[in-house]
Protein backbone atom coordinates (compact mmCIF):
# COMPACT_ATOMS: atom_id res chain seq x y z
CA MET A 1 -77.60 168.89 77.41
CA ARG A 2 -81.20 170.12 77.42
CA LYS A 3 -81.16 170.15 81.21
CA ALA A 4 -78.07 172.40 81.21
CA ILE A 5 -79.68 174.77 78.70
CA SER A 6 -82.89 174.85 80.73
CA LEU A 7 -80.93 175.63 83.92
CA GLY A 8 -79.03 178.35 82.08
CA GLN A 9 -82.23 179.95 80.87
CA ARG A 10 -83.90 179.71 84.28
CA TYR A 11 -80.99 180.86 86.44
CA GLY A 12 -78.78 182.76 83.97
CA ALA A 13 -80.02 186.22 84.95
CA SER A 14 -79.64 185.42 88.65
CA PHE A 15 -76.14 184.12 87.96
CA ALA A 16 -75.29 187.35 86.13
CA VAL A 17 -76.48 189.42 89.10
CA TYR A 18 -74.48 187.15 91.42
CA VAL A 19 -71.40 187.80 89.27
CA LEU A 20 -71.69 191.45 90.35
CA ILE A 21 -72.36 190.51 93.99
CA GLY A 22 -69.62 187.90 94.06
CA GLY A 23 -67.26 190.21 92.21
CA THR A 24 -67.79 192.92 94.80
CA ALA A 25 -67.28 190.43 97.62
CA ALA A 26 -64.19 189.03 95.89
CA LEU A 27 -62.66 192.52 95.69
CA VAL A 28 -63.39 192.99 99.41
CA GLU A 29 -61.85 189.58 100.14
CA TRP A 30 -58.74 190.22 98.07
CA ALA A 31 -58.22 193.66 99.61
CA SER A 32 -58.68 192.30 103.14
CA PHE A 33 -56.40 189.35 102.31
CA TYR A 34 -53.72 191.63 100.90
CA VAL A 35 -53.81 193.99 103.89
CA ALA A 36 -53.64 191.07 106.35
CA LEU A 37 -50.84 189.45 104.36
CA SER A 38 -48.69 192.54 103.79
CA SER A 39 -49.49 195.00 106.59
CA PHE A 40 -49.97 192.51 109.40
CA THR A 41 -47.54 189.94 107.91
CA LEU A 42 -49.93 187.08 108.53
CA HIS A 43 -49.37 183.70 106.89
CA TYR A 44 -51.51 183.33 103.78
CA VAL A 45 -54.00 180.92 105.42
CA PRO A 46 -54.97 183.20 108.38
CA ALA A 47 -54.96 186.14 105.96
CA SER A 48 -57.45 184.20 103.82
CA ILE A 49 -59.70 183.66 106.84
CA CYS A 50 -59.70 187.40 107.57
CA GLY A 51 -60.69 188.16 103.98
CA PHE A 52 -63.33 185.42 104.09
CA ALA A 53 -65.07 186.75 107.19
CA THR A 54 -65.31 190.29 105.84
CA ALA A 55 -66.33 189.31 102.30
CA THR A 56 -68.96 186.81 103.46
CA TYR A 57 -70.81 189.48 105.39
CA VAL A 58 -70.74 191.83 102.38
CA ASN A 59 -71.92 188.96 100.18
CA TYR A 60 -74.83 188.12 102.51
CA VAL A 61 -76.08 191.72 102.62
CA LEU A 62 -75.96 192.09 98.83
CA SER A 63 -77.41 188.60 98.23
CA ALA A 64 -80.35 189.15 100.59
CA ARG A 65 -81.17 192.62 99.26
CA ILE A 66 -80.43 192.28 95.57
CA GLY A 67 -79.48 188.80 94.42
CA PHE A 68 -81.99 186.28 95.69
CA ARG A 69 -85.58 186.01 96.85
CA ARG A 70 -85.79 185.74 100.61
CA GLY A 71 -87.25 182.45 101.75
CA ARG A 72 -89.09 181.65 104.94
CA ARG A 73 -85.97 181.60 107.09
CA SER A 74 -85.11 184.34 109.54
CA ALA A 75 -82.22 186.65 108.72
CA TRP A 76 -80.14 184.96 111.44
CA SER A 77 -80.76 181.53 109.90
CA GLU A 78 -79.83 182.87 106.47
CA ILE A 79 -76.63 184.41 107.81
CA ALA A 80 -75.69 181.16 109.55
CA LEU A 81 -76.33 179.19 106.37
CA VAL A 82 -74.39 181.69 104.24
CA TYR A 83 -71.39 181.41 106.57
CA GLY A 84 -71.74 177.61 106.52
CA VAL A 85 -71.81 177.27 102.74
CA SER A 86 -69.14 179.96 102.49
CA ALA A 87 -66.95 177.92 104.85
CA VAL A 88 -67.07 175.10 102.28
CA GLY A 89 -66.11 177.69 99.65
CA LEU A 90 -63.25 178.83 101.90
CA VAL A 91 -61.93 175.27 102.12
CA ILE A 92 -62.10 174.98 98.33
CA ASN A 93 -60.36 178.35 98.00
CA ILE A 94 -57.57 177.46 100.45
CA LEU A 95 -56.99 174.00 98.96
CA VAL A 96 -56.50 175.52 95.51
CA MET A 97 -54.26 178.27 96.91
CA VAL A 98 -52.13 175.78 98.90
CA ALA A 99 -51.84 173.51 95.87
CA VAL A 100 -50.64 176.43 93.75
CA MET A 101 -48.21 177.58 96.46
CA GLU A 102 -46.82 174.16 97.32
CA LEU A 103 -46.78 172.51 93.90
CA THR A 104 -45.82 175.40 91.62
CA ALA A 105 -43.68 178.50 91.72
CA LEU A 106 -46.62 180.72 90.82
CA PRO A 107 -47.45 183.83 92.92
CA VAL A 108 -49.82 183.44 95.89
CA MET A 109 -52.33 185.92 94.41
CA LEU A 110 -52.69 183.71 91.32
CA GLY A 111 -53.62 180.79 93.56
CA LYS A 112 -55.99 183.05 95.49
CA VAL A 113 -57.76 184.22 92.33
CA GLY A 114 -58.03 180.66 90.97
CA GLY A 115 -59.42 179.36 94.26
CA THR A 116 -61.91 182.21 94.38
CA GLY A 117 -63.18 181.35 90.90
CA ILE A 118 -63.85 177.72 91.76
CA ALA A 119 -65.43 178.60 95.10
CA PHE A 120 -67.62 181.18 93.33
CA ILE A 121 -69.58 178.51 91.44
CA TRP A 122 -70.17 176.57 94.67
CA ASN A 123 -71.30 179.72 96.48
CA PHE A 124 -73.86 180.68 93.82
CA ALA A 125 -75.38 177.21 93.67
CA ALA A 126 -75.54 176.84 97.46
CA ARG A 127 -77.18 180.23 97.92
CA GLN A 128 -79.69 179.70 95.11
CA PHE A 129 -80.70 176.17 96.09
CA CYS A 130 -79.99 175.87 99.83
CA VAL A 131 -80.06 179.28 101.54
CA PHE A 132 -82.58 181.46 99.74
CA ASP A 133 -85.77 180.71 97.81
CA LYS A 134 -85.09 178.35 94.89
CA GLU A 135 -87.22 180.54 92.62
CA PRO A 136 -84.82 183.02 90.99
CA ARG A 137 -85.45 186.72 91.64
CA TRP A 138 -84.12 187.67 88.23
CA ALA A 139 -85.21 186.32 84.84
CA MET A 140 -84.11 186.66 81.24
CA GLY A 141 -86.60 188.10 78.79
CA GLY A 142 -88.63 189.99 81.36
CA LYS A 143 -90.75 187.01 82.46
CA ARG A 144 -90.59 187.99 86.12
CA GLU A 145 -90.32 191.40 87.66
CA ALA A 146 -86.87 191.99 89.08
CA THR A 147 -87.72 194.33 91.90
CA ILE A 148 -85.44 195.23 94.74
CA PRO A 149 -87.24 195.00 98.06
CA GLU A 150 -87.34 197.99 100.34
CA ALA A 151 -84.86 197.85 103.19
């Protein structure tokens, strides 16, 4: 339990910032998904992939500029890693959505939102510990400066 509290204190502010980043990316994903699903009448799985590709790019830009400390990797390496860990998140998202669609009579958007929530936790942890610098950019209580780097 102490370990969980310690992690919460250390990464809580970064998680809160990522809620805003992930929330923005989720809105982009849902809008792209909805347009692909309704306007282009794509099946919900290809529509999810369209939303994923668009939202992942938005998420990378916001994560690299606002959410996390840049590590020693090049921007291209970071982008590749973000798409890789996001692909795992996409699989999680689609599995939840398919389960909701195939096993219940609930609406597809409910499955999409549920899948996005579960994938969100994976995406934060993978970005914080695998893609970017493990040291959080943001801190609770003003222990570290939370500066936004110049573009």
